[in-house]
């Protein structure tokens, strides 16, 4: 958890409360349980896709944006972040 510094600056500028890099979850503060579940789903996705995770994530983000991103929609299912 990063209460201040570079991680908080980057996350808050992008409008994120947390971000996952492989098995590491970086957050700008103490995230609610729903955000933890969302980020832990990204950890499982990373385990599934391995080194292809980041290129796939960035490609889909560029083509579909955040709300229509397949990996984000998958991570959001349990917490109902997006409407169907």
Protein backbone atom coordinates (compact mmCIF):
# COMPACT_ATOMS: atom_id res chain seq x y z
CA UNK A 1 0.00 0.00 0.00
CA UNK A 2 1.35 3.43 -0.92
CA UNK A 3 -0.13 6.30 1.07
CA UNK A 4 2.02 8.87 -0.70
CA UNK A 5 4.75 9.15 -3.25
CA UNK A 6 5.05 8.09 -6.86
CA UNK A 7 2.60 5.17 -6.78
CA UNK A 8 -0.17 7.33 -5.32
CA UNK A 9 0.54 10.12 -7.82
CA UNK A 10 0.42 7.78 -10.83
CA UNK A 11 -2.68 5.92 -9.65
CA UNK A 12 -4.63 9.04 -8.73
CA UNK A 13 -3.79 10.80 -12.00
CA UNK A 14 -5.14 7.82 -13.92
CA UNK A 15 -8.20 7.58 -11.68
CA UNK A 16 -7.27 4.16 -10.30
CA UNK A 17 -7.26 3.05 -6.70
CA UNK A 18 -5.06 0.01 -7.38
CA UNK A 19 -3.15 -1.71 -10.16
CA UNK A 20 -1.71 -5.21 -10.50
CA UNK A 21 1.71 -6.15 -11.89
CA UNK A 22 1.99 -9.92 -11.94
CA UNK A 23 1.69 -11.02 -8.32
CA UNK A 24 2.05 -7.50 -6.93
CA UNK A 25 -0.93 -5.25 -6.19
CA UNK A 26 -0.08 -1.57 -5.73
CA UNK A 27 -2.73 0.66 -4.19
CA UNK A 28 -3.03 4.36 -3.42
CA UNK A 29 -4.64 3.56 -0.06
CA UNK A 30 -6.45 0.74 1.69
CA UNK A 31 -8.75 -0.61 -1.06
CA UNK A 32 -12.22 -1.92 -0.25
CA UNK A 33 -12.75 -5.69 -0.38
CA UNK A 34 -14.39 -5.44 -3.81
CA UNK A 35 -11.28 -3.81 -5.29
CA UNK A 36 -9.06 -6.47 -3.68
CA UNK A 37 -11.19 -9.20 -5.30
CA UNK A 38 -10.95 -7.37 -8.63
CA UNK A 39 -7.17 -7.06 -8.42
CA UNK A 40 -6.73 -10.65 -7.26
CA UNK A 41 -8.65 -11.73 -10.36
CA UNK A 42 -6.00 -9.90 -12.40
CA UNK A 43 -3.36 -11.92 -10.53
CA UNK A 44 -5.11 -15.13 -11.65
CA UNK A 45 -5.30 -13.77 -15.21
CA UNK A 46 -1.58 -13.08 -15.11
CA UNK A 47 -0.95 -16.65 -13.94
CA UNK A 48 -3.02 -17.92 -16.86
CA UNK A 49 -1.49 -15.73 -19.60
CA UNK A 50 2.03 -15.33 -18.21
CA UNK A 51 4.24 -12.95 -20.17
CA UNK A 52 1.46 -12.41 -22.72
CA UNK A 53 -0.72 -10.70 -20.09
CA UNK A 54 0.70 -7.20 -20.41
CA UNK A 55 0.80 -7.07 -24.24
CA UNK A 56 -2.76 -8.47 -24.40
CA UNK A 57 -3.96 -6.05 -21.75
CA UNK A 58 -2.48 -3.04 -23.54
CA UNK A 59 -3.74 -4.16 -26.95
CA UNK A 60 -7.30 -4.66 -25.72
CA UNK A 61 -7.15 -1.41 -23.74
CA UNK A 62 -6.18 0.47 -26.91
CA UNK A 63 -8.86 -1.19 -29.04
CA UNK A 64 -11.75 -1.35 -26.55
CA UNK A 65 -11.03 1.04 -23.70
CA UNK A 66 -11.46 0.22 -20.04
CA UNK A 67 -15.20 -0.50 -19.75
CA UNK A 68 -15.23 -2.90 -22.74
CA UNK A 69 -11.87 -4.52 -21.93
CA UNK A 70 -12.26 -8.33 -21.70
CA UNK A 71 -9.85 -8.73 -18.78
CA UNK A 72 -11.43 -5.86 -16.86
CA UNK A 73 -14.93 -7.18 -17.47
CA UNK A 74 -13.82 -10.61 -16.27
CA UNK A 75 -12.27 -9.11 -13.12
CA UNK A 76 -15.37 -7.00 -12.53
CA UNK A 77 -17.96 -9.81 -12.72
CA UNK A 78 -17.77 -10.71 -9.05
CA UNK A 79 -18.12 -7.12 -7.90
CA UNK A 80 -20.53 -5.97 -10.62
CA UNK A 81 -18.37 -2.98 -11.59
CA UNK A 82 -19.96 -2.72 -15.04
CA UNK A 83 -23.52 -3.25 -16.24
CA UNK A 84 -24.09 -6.24 -18.53
